[in-house]
């Protein structure tokens, strides 16, 4: 009996502690049910603008093709002197028109960058500052396990907040009051298509077919498998050790990662980069006798690393399996771009087709397949490796071949260029941040005096050759002279306090035209450059 009492005295407190711990761990995190609503004034302006009818009947409108790579570093390709992965088709595209030596994107990560690209406006103007979420921690167990038990490499979890609930998540995406370049083209009588990755919302009102596109083949998520993972001997699969890779392989063809033709789920095992080229060729063939806008956001060479053996076999001397698969994926992308251009030529459309090529951000150096060298940093960062990307434009008869434009341009310019060449013009009810690249290149004008970036506490401005980077979490600022130091190795902030103050003021003035992010960011990313720590909200 005495032993029983002793055991009881020990066991009961332990059970109570375990019970309380279980209650704490499984206690639901408070959620935020705020529904994101479109800006009513801008929504009205959008409706009025798109209701205007095309009145230009005598002018033959040009076709427009936008080819977007995913996580492709500038020096991963031979266009900029890269030796690892020859890209003759991309090189040929640029040689037939203009190569931009300082092409920038408006964000260093997928979704915000695409939001800027499709609208021609800094995405922070309408709150699309962070990646949309499709899931947040539901209880303390999920939160603390993610924060302390899972090896997240350089990803860090932000402080716990009231996360958006499912209804709120459903309203995340490119705000419905924004006008896309597909809206512009459709207004002018174009057939419009997106073939590839969307990543701008995956609920009603945010699908590609709701945003100006007549046709969609691709997926809604940030990623998808290039082909289902099975025992196909024609496919080389390479896995990474970071936690995002495990998530991608597990969810790649599930839910919003599934391949769809319009709204119908497609169970196709063909290699996705090649399928996107197939679909692009078919769309061109179907619409060759009328103006079309074709947006092809490839998912290559974004993870997961999968490639067909025929591309893998092009790199027998690359001993690093990780890099070999990566280079092979770039080679497959290059072939696909060549096929699309060949189709344009075959149909006799070269003289009347504007083709634009870019990447959504710099190379993902966390894969260890690329470093973006000689540029500093990579995807997520506001150093040059994250935002200075491959960028070229071709239009036979309109842009002189072998043109090299050496001043900064932005992916924001693509929208304004489309507005100009389609004759749609720009709406007057909102601020636009781009320029017409055809005019700028042909007249060798300066496209931008200043370019800006913001992702939470991480901010940057390029003004002329000066670039200021603000690391809000560490309360540091770094100043670089890009004319002399493109690799951003020498911080000149202490020697040029007046220039720092001038650029900080310019950043603050720009921020006055922005709004708060429409949804929270779950994570941030830590860059460690030795003595220099840098954190970016994602």
Protein backbone atom coordinates (compact mmCIF):
# COMPACT_ATOMS: atom_id res chain seq x y z
CA UNK A 1 0.00 0.00 0.00
CA UNK A 2 2.83 2.33 0.89
CA UNK A 3 4.50 1.65 -2.44
CA UNK A 4 1.23 2.36 -4.23
CA UNK A 5 0.99 5.75 -2.53
CA UNK A 6 4.58 6.55 -3.42
CA UNK A 7 4.00 5.62 -7.05
CA UNK A 8 0.78 7.64 -7.10
CA UNK A 9 2.59 10.71 -5.76
CA UNK A 10 5.09 10.42 -8.60
CA UNK A 11 2.81 9.37 -11.44
CA UNK A 12 -0.08 11.78 -10.89
CA UNK A 13 2.07 14.95 -11.10
CA UNK A 14 3.74 13.54 -14.21
CA UNK A 15 0.35 12.82 -15.78
CA UNK A 16 -0.84 16.31 -14.89
CA UNK A 17 2.26 17.84 -16.47
CA UNK A 18 1.84 15.68 -19.57
CA UNK A 19 -1.83 16.61 -19.78
CA UNK A 20 -1.06 20.32 -19.49
CA UNK A 21 1.74 19.98 -22.03
CA UNK A 22 -0.60 18.20 -24.44
CA UNK A 23 -3.23 20.90 -23.96
CA UNK A 24 -0.60 23.57 -24.64
CA UNK A 25 0.83 21.83 -27.70
CA UNK A 26 -2.49 21.02 -29.31
CA UNK A 27 -4.18 24.27 -28.34
CA UNK A 28 -5.26 25.97 -31.57
CA UNK A 29 -3.45 29.14 -32.54
CA UNK A 30 -5.85 32.06 -32.78
CA UNK A 31 -6.72 32.85 -36.36
CA UNK A 32 -7.51 36.00 -38.28
CA UNK A 33 -10.60 35.82 -40.45
CA UNK A 34 -10.05 39.14 -42.19
CA UNK A 35 -11.07 38.85 -45.83
CA UNK A 36 -8.91 40.78 -48.27
CA UNK A 37 -11.14 42.97 -50.39
CA UNK A 38 -10.30 44.72 -53.66
CA UNK A 39 -9.70 48.46 -53.62
CA UNK A 40 -13.16 49.68 -54.66
CA UNK A 41 -11.93 52.82 -56.40
CA UNK A 42 -9.33 50.93 -58.42
CA UNK A 43 -11.84 48.15 -59.17
CA UNK A 44 -14.22 50.73 -60.62
CA UNK A 45 -11.39 52.25 -62.64
CA UNK A 46 -10.41 48.83 -63.93
CA UNK A 47 -13.95 48.04 -65.04
CA UNK A 48 -14.29 51.39 -66.81
CA UNK A 49 -10.92 51.04 -68.56
CA UNK A 50 -11.51 47.49 -69.76
CA UNK A 51 -14.97 48.44 -70.99
CA UNK A 52 -13.40 50.78 -73.53
CA UNK A 53 -13.57 49.15 -76.94
CA UNK A 54 -10.71 48.72 -79.38
CA UNK A 55 -11.13 51.37 -82.08
CA UNK A 56 -7.95 50.77 -84.12
CA UNK A 57 -9.07 48.52 -86.98
CA UNK A 58 -6.55 49.45 -89.68
CA UNK A 59 -3.34 48.69 -87.77
CA UNK A 60 -2.08 45.12 -87.68
CA UNK A 61 -1.38 44.45 -84.05
CA UNK A 62 1.80 42.58 -83.10
CA UNK A 63 1.83 39.23 -81.37
CA UNK A 64 3.48 39.16 -77.95
CA UNK A 65 5.32 36.27 -76.32
CA UNK A 66 6.71 36.52 -72.78
CA UNK A 67 9.08 33.70 -71.82
CA UNK A 68 9.85 33.58 -68.11
CA UNK A 69 12.40 31.29 -66.47
CA UNK A 70 12.10 30.35 -62.80
CA UNK A 71 15.11 30.84 -60.49
CA UNK A 72 17.51 31.16 -63.43
CA UNK A 73 20.71 32.96 -62.50
CA UNK A 74 22.19 35.51 -64.87
CA UNK A 75 25.53 33.71 -65.10
CA UNK A 76 23.99 30.27 -65.35
CA UNK A 77 23.63 30.86 -69.10
CA UNK A 78 26.10 31.54 -71.89
CA UNK A 79 24.39 34.80 -72.88
CA UNK A 80 26.29 36.55 -70.08
CA UNK A 81 29.46 34.49 -70.39
CA UNK A 82 28.47 31.56 -68.22
CA UNK A 83 30.42 28.42 -69.10
CA UNK A 84 28.46 25.73 -67.27
CA UNK A 85 25.30 25.42 -69.35
CA UNK A 86 25.45 26.55 -72.99
CA UNK A 87 22.18 28.19 -74.03
CA UNK A 88 22.39 28.75 -77.80
CA UNK A 89 18.65 29.38 -78.20
CA UNK A 90 18.51 32.09 -75.53
CA UNK A 91 21.72 33.55 -76.94
CA UNK A 92 20.18 33.58 -80.42
CA UNK A 93 17.01 35.28 -79.17
CA UNK A 94 19.07 38.05 -77.57
CA UNK A 95 21.36 38.38 -80.61
CA UNK A 96 18.34 38.96 -82.83
CA UNK A 97 17.35 41.95 -80.70
CA UNK A 98 18.60 43.54 -77.49
CA UNK A 99 20.47 42.17 -74.50
CA UNK A 100 19.96 44.11 -71.27
CA UNK A 101 23.12 44.10 -69.18
CA UNK A 102 21.30 45.44 -66.12
CA UNK A 103 17.87 43.86 -66.20
CA UNK A 104 16.13 43.85 -62.83
CA UNK A 105 13.02 42.30 -61.35
CA UNK A 106 10.82 44.08 -58.80
CA UNK A 107 11.20 41.32 -56.19
CA UNK A 108 13.70 38.58 -55.42
CA UNK A 109 11.08 35.87 -54.95
CA UNK A 110 8.49 34.18 -57.16
CA UNK A 111 5.00 35.51 -56.44
CA UNK A 112 5.73 39.19 -55.66
CA UNK A 113 8.01 39.34 -58.72
CA UNK A 114 5.23 37.96 -60.93
CA UNK A 115 2.73 40.39 -59.43
CA UNK A 116 4.96 43.28 -60.51
CA UNK A 117 5.59 41.74 -63.92
CA UNK A 118 1.92 41.23 -64.78
CA UNK A 119 0.76 44.66 -63.56
CA UNK A 120 3.65 47.02 -64.32
CA UNK A 121 3.41 48.38 -60.78
CA UNK A 122 5.58 47.87 -57.75
CA UNK A 123 3.66 45.07 -56.06
CA UNK A 124 4.02 46.87 -52.73
CA UNK A 125 1.65 49.53 -54.09
CA UNK A 126 -1.17 47.00 -53.79
CA UNK A 127 0.05 44.88 -50.89
CA UNK A 128 1.40 41.82 -52.72
CA UNK A 129 4.65 42.05 -50.78
CA UNK A 130 5.00 38.46 -49.56
CA UNK A 131 4.41 34.97 -50.87
CA UNK A 132 0.73 33.99 -50.58
CA UNK A 133 0.19 31.26 -48.02
CA UNK A 134 -1.78 28.08 -48.53
CA UNK A 135 -1.20 26.77 -44.99
CA UNK A 136 -0.16 28.19 -41.61
CA UNK A 137 0.60 26.46 -38.26
CA UNK A 138 -2.66 25.28 -36.69
CA UNK A 139 -1.44 24.74 -33.13
CA UNK A 140 1.56 25.23 -30.85
CA UNK A 141 2.94 21.79 -31.68
CA UNK A 142 3.20 22.63 -35.36
CA UNK A 143 4.64 26.06 -34.64
CA UNK A 144 7.34 25.01 -32.17
CA UNK A 145 8.22 21.81 -34.02
CA UNK A 146 8.81 23.88 -37.15
CA UNK A 147 10.78 26.45 -35.20
CA UNK A 148 12.98 24.19 -33.08
CA UNK A 149 12.86 20.57 -34.22
CA UNK A 150 12.93 20.71 -38.01
CA UNK A 151 16.17 21.57 -39.78
CA UNK A 152 14.99 24.51 -41.88
CA UNK A 153 18.50 25.50 -42.96
CA UNK A 154 18.47 29.27 -43.46
CA UNK A 155 14.69 29.64 -43.30
CA UNK A 156 13.51 31.13 -40.00
CA UNK A 157 10.02 31.25 -38.52
CA UNK A 158 8.66 34.65 -37.56
CA UNK A 159 7.07 35.34 -34.17
CA UNK A 160 3.70 33.68 -33.67
CA UNK A 161 0.68 35.77 -34.67
CA UNK A 162 -3.00 35.25 -35.39
CA UNK A 163 -2.59 33.47 -38.71
CA UNK A 164 -5.12 33.81 -41.54
CA UNK A 165 -7.86 31.20 -41.44
CA UNK A 166 -9.00 29.26 -44.50
CA UNK A 167 -11.51 31.90 -45.56
CA UNK A 168 -8.84 34.59 -45.33
CA UNK A 169 -6.28 32.46 -47.19
CA UNK A 170 -8.79 32.08 -50.02
CA UNK A 171 -8.61 35.85 -50.61
CA UNK A 172 -4.82 35.95 -50.94
CA UNK A 173 -3.48 36.52 -54.44
CA UNK A 174 -3.04 39.23 -57.03
CA UNK A 175 -5.69 41.78 -55.97
CA UNK A 176 -8.71 41.67 -58.23
CA UNK A 177 -8.62 45.44 -58.66
CA UNK A 178 -5.28 45.15 -60.50
CA UNK A 179 -5.08 45.07 -64.30
CA UNK A 180 -2.86 42.40 -65.89
CA UNK A 181 -1.13 42.62 -69.25
CA UNK A 182 -3.54 39.88 -70.36
CA UNK A 183 -6.42 42.22 -69.52
CA UNK A 184 -4.80 44.89 -71.69
CA UNK A 185 -4.36 42.56 -74.63
CA UNK A 186 -7.82 41.04 -74.36
CA UNK A 187 -9.33 44.52 -74.36
CA UNK A 188 -7.59 45.10 -77.69
CA UNK A 189 -8.99 41.94 -79.26
CA UNK A 190 -6.11 39.55 -78.55
CA UNK A 191 -6.33 35.86 -77.83
CA UNK A 192 -4.48 35.32 -74.56
CA UNK A 193 -2.89 32.30 -72.93
CA UNK A 194 -0.70 31.37 -69.99
CA UNK A 195 1.20 28.12 -70.28
CA UNK A 196 3.11 27.32 -67.10
CA UNK A 197 3.32 28.38 -63.47
CA UNK A 198 0.77 30.87 -62.13
CA UNK A 199 1.48 31.42 -58.38
CA UNK A 200 -0.78 34.46 -58.02
CA UNK A 201 -3.76 32.93 -56.23
CA UNK A 202 -5.57 29.61 -56.37
CA UNK A 203 -9.18 30.39 -55.51
CA UNK A 204 -12.16 31.82 -57.35
CA UNK A 205 -11.45 35.28 -58.70
CA UNK A 206 -7.71 34.65 -58.74
CA UNK A 207 -7.39 31.90 -61.35
CA UNK A 208 -5.68 32.78 -64.66
CA UNK A 209 -9.02 32.53 -66.47
CA UNK A 210 -10.32 35.25 -64.11
CA UNK A 211 -7.37 37.54 -64.86
CA UNK A 212 -7.55 38.13 -68.59
CA UNK A 213 -6.35 34.80 -69.95
CA UNK A 214 -8.51 32.81 -72.36
CA UNK A 215 -6.50 29.62 -71.91
CA UNK A 216 -4.34 28.08 -69.21
CA UNK A 217 -2.21 24.98 -69.17
CA UNK A 218 -0.07 24.57 -66.06
CA UNK A 219 -0.35 24.74 -62.29
CA UNK A 220 -1.30 27.25 -59.59
CA UNK A 221 1.33 26.44 -56.94
CA UNK A 222 4.92 27.70 -56.58
CA UNK A 223 6.11 24.31 -57.82
CA UNK A 224 5.11 21.06 -59.44
CA UNK A 225 6.90 17.87 -60.34
CA UNK A 226 8.22 17.94 -63.91
CA UNK A 227 6.92 14.40 -64.19
CA UNK A 228 5.50 12.03 -61.57
CA UNK A 229 8.27 10.33 -59.61
CA UNK A 230 8.33 6.68 -60.62
CA UNK A 231 10.76 4.16 -62.05
CA UNK A 232 10.96 5.79 -65.47
CA UNK A 233 14.55 5.14 -66.66
CA UNK A 234 14.34 8.22 -68.90
CA UNK A 235 14.10 10.58 -65.90
CA UNK A 236 16.94 11.53 -63.57
CA UNK A 237 15.67 12.63 -60.14
CA UNK A 238 17.95 14.45 -57.71
CA UNK A 239 16.86 15.19 -54.14
CA UNK A 240 18.12 17.94 -51.85
CA UNK A 241 18.43 17.83 -48.08
CA UNK A 242 16.55 21.02 -47.21
CA UNK A 243 13.02 20.82 -45.82
CA UNK A 244 11.44 22.61 -48.79
CA UNK A 245 12.61 19.87 -51.13
CA UNK A 246 10.84 17.18 -49.09
CA UNK A 247 7.66 19.25 -49.19
CA UNK A 248 7.94 19.75 -52.95
CA UNK A 249 8.43 16.06 -53.72
CA UNK A 250 5.55 15.16 -51.43
CA UNK A 251 3.10 17.73 -52.77
CA UNK A 252 4.33 18.31 -56.31
CA UNK A 253 1.35 16.82 -58.13
CA UNK A 254 -1.21 17.23 -55.35
CA UNK A 255 -3.87 19.93 -55.00
CA UNK A 256 -2.74 23.23 -56.47
CA UNK A 257 0.42 21.56 -57.78
CA UNK A 258 -1.62 19.42 -60.16
CA UNK A 259 -1.46 20.12 -63.88
CA UNK A 260 -4.61 21.65 -65.32
CA UNK A 261 -5.92 22.52 -68.74
CA UNK A 262 -8.13 25.45 -67.88
CA UNK A 263 -9.97 23.93 -64.90
CA UNK A 264 -9.61 20.24 -65.83
CA UNK A 265 -6.94 18.22 -64.01
CA UNK A 266 -4.55 16.52 -66.44
CA UNK A 267 -2.72 13.30 -65.55
CA UNK A 268 0.24 13.62 -67.91
CA UNK A 269 3.63 11.98 -67.40
CA UNK A 270 5.45 13.85 -70.16
CA UNK A 271 8.36 16.07 -69.11
CA UNK A 272 6.78 19.39 -68.21
CA UNK A 273 9.31 21.73 -69.85
CA UNK A 274 8.73 19.95 -73.15
CA UNK A 275 4.97 19.87 -72.64
CA UNK A 276 4.92 23.63 -72.15
CA UNK A 277 6.69 23.99 -75.50
CA UNK A 278 4.14 21.61 -77.08
CA UNK A 279 1.29 23.69 -75.70
CA UNK A 280 2.89 26.95 -76.83
CA UNK A 281 3.33 25.62 -80.37
CA UNK A 282 -0.30 24.48 -80.44
CA UNK A 283 -1.55 27.86 -79.23
CA UNK A 284 0.49 29.70 -81.87
CA UNK A 285 -0.82 27.37 -84.55
CA UNK A 286 -4.41 27.94 -83.47
CA UNK A 287 -4.09 31.72 -83.29
CA UNK A 288 -1.60 32.52 -86.06
CA UNK A 289 -4.15 34.45 -88.09
CA UNK A 290 -5.10 36.88 -85.32
CA UNK A 291 -3.17 38.81 -82.68
CA UNK A 292 -2.22 36.81 -79.62
CA UNK A 293 -0.47 37.26 -76.30
CA UNK A 294 1.29 34.15 -75.05
CA UNK A 295 2.79 34.13 -71.54
CA UNK A 296 4.99 31.09 -70.87
CA UNK A 297 6.22 31.07 -67.26
CA UNK A 298 8.35 27.92 -67.22
CA UNK A 299 9.06 26.34 -63.85
CA UNK A 300 12.60 25.49 -64.94
CA UNK A 301 15.09 25.37 -63.36
CA UNK A 302 13.21 25.68 -60.03
CA UNK A 303 13.29 22.64 -57.75
CA UNK A 304 12.53 19.73 -57.79
CA UNK A 305 15.57 18.72 -59.83
CA UNK A 306 14.27 16.36 -62.53
CA UNK A 307 15.44 16.03 -66.10
CA UNK A 308 15.24 13.69 -69.05
CA UNK A 309 18.29 11.54 -69.69
CA UNK A 310 18.94 13.05 -73.12
CA UNK A 311 19.64 16.43 -71.50
CA UNK A 312 21.56 14.86 -68.62
CA UNK A 313 23.81 13.10 -71.13
CA UNK A 314 24.90 16.45 -72.57
CA UNK A 315 27.04 17.03 -69.46
CA UNK A 316 29.18 13.89 -69.05
CA UNK A 317 32.13 15.84 -67.65
CA UNK A 318 30.18 17.36 -64.75
CA UNK A 319 30.95 15.10 -61.79
CA UNK A 320 28.71 16.90 -59.29
CA UNK A 321 25.33 15.19 -59.73
CA UNK A 322 23.46 18.19 -58.32
CA UNK A 323 25.00 20.60 -60.82
CA UNK A 324 24.74 18.15 -63.68
CA UNK A 325 20.98 17.81 -63.30
CA UNK A 326 20.64 21.59 -62.88
CA UNK A 327 22.61 22.34 -66.05
CA UNK A 328 20.61 19.72 -67.91
CA UNK A 329 17.35 21.37 -66.80
CA UNK A 330 18.62 24.68 -68.17
CA UNK A 331 19.51 22.94 -71.41
CA UNK A 332 15.96 21.57 -71.65
CA UNK A 333 14.60 25.06 -71.01
CA UNK A 334 16.82 26.44 -73.76
CA UNK A 335 15.57 23.83 -76.23
CA UNK A 336 11.96 24.66 -75.37
CA UNK A 337 12.56 28.36 -75.99
CA UNK A 338 14.17 27.47 -79.32
CA UNK A 339 11.14 25.43 -80.32
CA UNK A 340 8.76 28.31 -79.62
CA UNK A 341 10.88 30.73 -81.65
CA UNK A 342 11.14 28.19 -84.48
CA UNK A 343 7.35 27.91 -84.57
CA UNK A 344 7.03 31.69 -84.86
CA UNK A 345 9.47 31.64 -87.78
CA UNK A 346 7.81 28.65 -89.46
CA UNK A 347 4.45 30.44 -89.46
CA UNK A 348 5.98 33.60 -90.94
CA UNK A 349 5.24 35.67 -87.84
CA UNK A 350 8.74 36.98 -87.01
CA UNK A 351 8.16 40.49 -88.37
CA UNK A 352 5.04 40.87 -86.28
CA UNK A 353 6.00 39.17 -83.02
CA UNK A 354 7.60 40.74 -79.97
CA UNK A 355 9.40 38.16 -77.81
CA UNK A 356 10.58 38.97 -74.30
CA UNK A 357 12.75 36.71 -72.15
CA UNK A 358 13.59 37.10 -68.46
CA UNK A 359 13.83 35.25 -65.15
CA UNK A 360 11.58 35.90 -62.16
CA UNK A 361 14.55 36.30 -59.79
CA UNK A 362 18.16 35.22 -59.40
CA UNK A 363 19.42 31.71 -58.99
CA UNK A 364 18.46 29.74 -55.87
CA UNK A 365 21.90 29.39 -54.31
CA UNK A 366 20.47 27.36 -51.43
CA UNK A 367 20.37 24.42 -53.87
CA UNK A 368 24.20 24.62 -54.14
CA UNK A 369 23.83 24.15 -57.89
CA UNK A 370 24.47 27.84 -58.55
CA UNK A 371 26.20 30.71 -56.76
CA UNK A 372 25.26 33.61 -59.07
CA UNK A 373 28.95 34.57 -59.05
CA UNK A 374 30.32 37.14 -59.67
CA UNK A 375 27.13 38.63 -58.25
CA UNK A 376 26.50 38.51 -54.52
CA UNK A 377 23.66 36.58 -52.92
CA UNK A 378 20.81 34.94 -54.74
CA UNK A 379 17.09 34.36 -54.69
CA UNK A 380 15.40 36.16 -51.75
CA UNK A 381 18.17 38.79 -51.43
CA UNK A 382 18.29 42.39 -52.66
CA UNK A 383 21.93 41.99 -53.51
CA UNK A 384 22.55 41.78 -57.25
CA UNK A 385 22.44 37.98 -57.30
CA UNK A 386 18.79 38.05 -56.28
CA UNK A 387 17.41 40.80 -58.51
CA UNK A 388 19.74 41.31 -61.49
CA UNK A 389 18.54 38.72 -63.99
CA UNK A 390 18.89 37.59 -67.61
CA UNK A 391 16.72 39.86 -69.74
CA UNK A 392 16.41 40.14 -73.53
CA UNK A 393 13.93 41.30 -76.15
CA UNK A 394 13.54 40.52 -79.83
CA UNK A 395 11.34 41.99 -82.56
CA UNK A 396 12.49 41.62 -86.15
CA UNK A 397 12.42 44.93 -87.98
CA UNK A 398 11.71 46.92 -84.82
CA UNK A 399 14.84 46.26 -82.74
CA UNK A 400 18.25 46.24 -84.39
CA UNK A 401 20.04 42.89 -83.95
CA UNK A 402 23.00 42.66 -81.57
CA UNK A 403 21.87 45.70 -79.60
CA UNK A 404 23.24 45.95 -76.07
CA UNK A 405 21.47 48.28 -73.65
CA UNK A 406 23.68 49.10 -70.67
CA UNK A 407 21.38 51.13 -68.41
CA UNK A 408 19.04 49.58 -65.83
CA UNK A 409 15.65 48.29 -66.96
CA UNK A 410 12.97 46.51 -64.96
CA UNK A 411 10.48 43.70 -65.40
CA UNK A 412 7.92 46.42 -64.61
CA UNK A 413 8.66 47.78 -68.09
CA UNK A 414 7.12 44.75 -69.79
CA UNK A 415 3.58 45.89 -68.95
CA UNK A 416 4.15 49.41 -70.27
CA UNK A 417 5.74 48.00 -73.42
CA UNK A 418 2.70 45.81 -74.02
CA UNK A 419 0.38 48.75 -73.37
CA UNK A 420 2.25 50.69 -76.04
CA UNK A 421 2.51 48.05 -78.77
CA UNK A 422 -1.10 46.87 -78.38
CA UNK A 423 -2.40 50.44 -78.45
CA UNK A 424 -4.30 50.00 -75.20
CA UNK A 425 -2.56 52.83 -73.39
CA UNK A 426 -2.30 53.01 -69.60
CA UNK A 427 -5.17 53.63 -67.19
CA UNK A 428 -5.04 57.07 -65.58
CA UNK A 429 -6.40 56.06 -62.18
CA UNK A 430 -3.23 54.44 -60.80
CA UNK A 431 0.53 54.87 -60.77
CA UNK A 432 2.60 52.87 -63.25
CA UNK A 433 6.30 52.29 -62.77
CA UNK A 434 7.50 51.06 -66.15
CA UNK A 435 8.51 52.47 -69.52
CA UNK A 436 8.14 51.38 -73.14
CA UNK A 437 11.28 49.33 -73.79
CA UNK A 438 10.99 49.64 -77.58
CA UNK A 439 11.17 53.42 -77.33
CA UNK A 440 13.89 53.37 -74.68
CA UNK A 441 16.13 50.97 -76.60
CA UNK A 442 15.70 52.53 -80.04
CA UNK A 443 16.38 56.03 -78.72
CA UNK A 444 18.97 54.97 -76.12
CA UNK A 445 17.05 56.77 -73.38
CA UNK A 446 17.55 56.29 -69.67
CA UNK A 447 14.75 53.98 -68.55
CA UNK A 448 14.97 54.62 -64.81
CA UNK A 449 16.80 57.04 -62.58
CA UNK A 450 15.89 55.02 -59.50
CA UNK A 451 14.70 51.48 -58.81
CA UNK A 452 13.33 50.27 -55.46
CA UNK A 453 12.79 47.05 -53.54
CA UNK A 454 11.08 46.17 -50.28
CA UNK A 455 10.29 42.96 -48.47
CA UNK A 456 9.31 43.81 -44.92
CA UNK A 457 12.34 45.22 -43.12
CA UNK A 458 14.65 44.48 -46.05
CA UNK A 459 14.82 47.35 -48.53
CA UNK A 460 17.03 48.61 -51.33
CA UNK A 461 17.36 51.41 -53.85
CA UNK A 462 19.52 51.74 -56.94
CA UNK A 463 20.06 55.36 -58.00
CA UNK A 464 22.45 55.77 -60.89
CA UNK A 465 25.42 53.59 -59.99
CA UNK A 466 24.79 53.89 -56.26
CA UNK A 467 22.95 51.17 -54.41
CA UNK A 468 21.81 51.25 -50.80
CA UNK A 469 20.67 48.10 -49.00
CA UNK A 470 18.81 48.38 -45.71
CA UNK A 471 18.78 45.43 -43.32
CA UNK A 472 15.98 46.36 -40.93
CA UNK A 473 16.33 43.39 -38.61
CA UNK A 474 20.00 44.20 -37.93
CA UNK A 475 19.59 47.99 -38.23
CA UNK A 476 22.37 48.21 -40.80
CA UNK A 477 22.78 49.95 -44.14
CA UNK A 478 25.32 49.15 -46.84
CA UNK A 479 26.27 51.38 -49.75
CA UNK A 480 27.88 50.19 -52.97
CA UNK A 481 29.17 51.78 -56.16
CA UNK A 482 28.01 49.31 -58.79
CA UNK A 483 30.11 50.92 -61.52
CA UNK A 484 33.25 49.81 -59.68
CA UNK A 485 31.93 47.03 -57.47
CA UNK A 486 29.25 44.93 -59.15
CA UNK A 487 29.97 42.13 -56.68
CA UNK A 488 29.03 44.40 -53.75
CA UNK A 489 32.12 43.60 -51.71
CA UNK A 490 33.10 47.09 -50.48
CA UNK A 491 30.67 48.93 -48.22
CA UNK A 492 31.07 52.69 -48.71
CA UNK A 493 28.39 53.81 -46.23
CA UNK A 494 30.79 55.17 -43.61
CA UNK A 495 32.70 57.18 -46.23
CA UNK A 496 29.57 58.64 -47.85
CA UNK A 497 27.08 59.51 -45.09
CA UNK A 498 25.41 62.21 -47.20
CA UNK A 499 24.76 59.78 -50.04
CA UNK A 500 23.32 57.28 -47.53
CA UNK A 501 21.02 59.97 -46.15
CA UNK A 502 19.96 61.02 -49.67
CA UNK A 503 19.07 57.46 -50.67
CA UNK A 504 17.30 56.76 -47.38
CA UNK A 505 15.16 59.84 -47.99
CA UNK A 506 14.37 58.66 -51.52
CA UNK A 507 13.36 55.25 -50.16
CA UNK A 508 11.13 56.84 -47.54
CA UNK A 509 9.46 59.05 -50.15
CA UNK A 510 8.83 56.02 -52.35
CA UNK A 511 7.32 54.13 -49.42
CA UNK A 512 4.73 56.87 -48.98
CA UNK A 513 3.06 55.53 -52.11
CA UNK A 514 2.88 51.96 -50.80
CA UNK A 515 0.40 50.15 -48.59
CA UNK A 516 0.85 47.58 -45.84
CA UNK A 517 1.17 43.94 -46.94
CA UNK A 518 -2.25 42.35 -47.42
CA UNK A 519 -1.21 39.14 -45.64
CA UNK A 520 1.56 38.20 -43.20
CA UNK A 521 4.80 36.44 -43.97
CA UNK A 522 5.34 33.18 -42.14
CA UNK A 523 9.11 32.99 -42.60
CA UNK A 524 12.21 35.00 -43.28
CA UNK A 525 15.55 33.94 -44.75
CA UNK A 526 19.00 34.45 -43.25
CA UNK A 527 22.01 35.22 -45.42
CA UNK A 528 25.40 34.82 -43.80
CA UNK A 529 28.19 36.62 -45.65
CA UNK A 530 30.72 36.17 -42.88
CA UNK A 531 30.79 39.45 -40.97
CA UNK A 532 27.62 40.54 -42.73
CA UNK A 533 24.24 39.10 -41.67
CA UNK A 534 21.20 39.87 -43.78
CA UNK A 535 17.57 38.87 -43.25
CA UNK A 536 14.73 39.02 -45.78
CA UNK A 537 11.03 38.58 -45.03
CA UNK A 538 9.40 36.10 -47.38
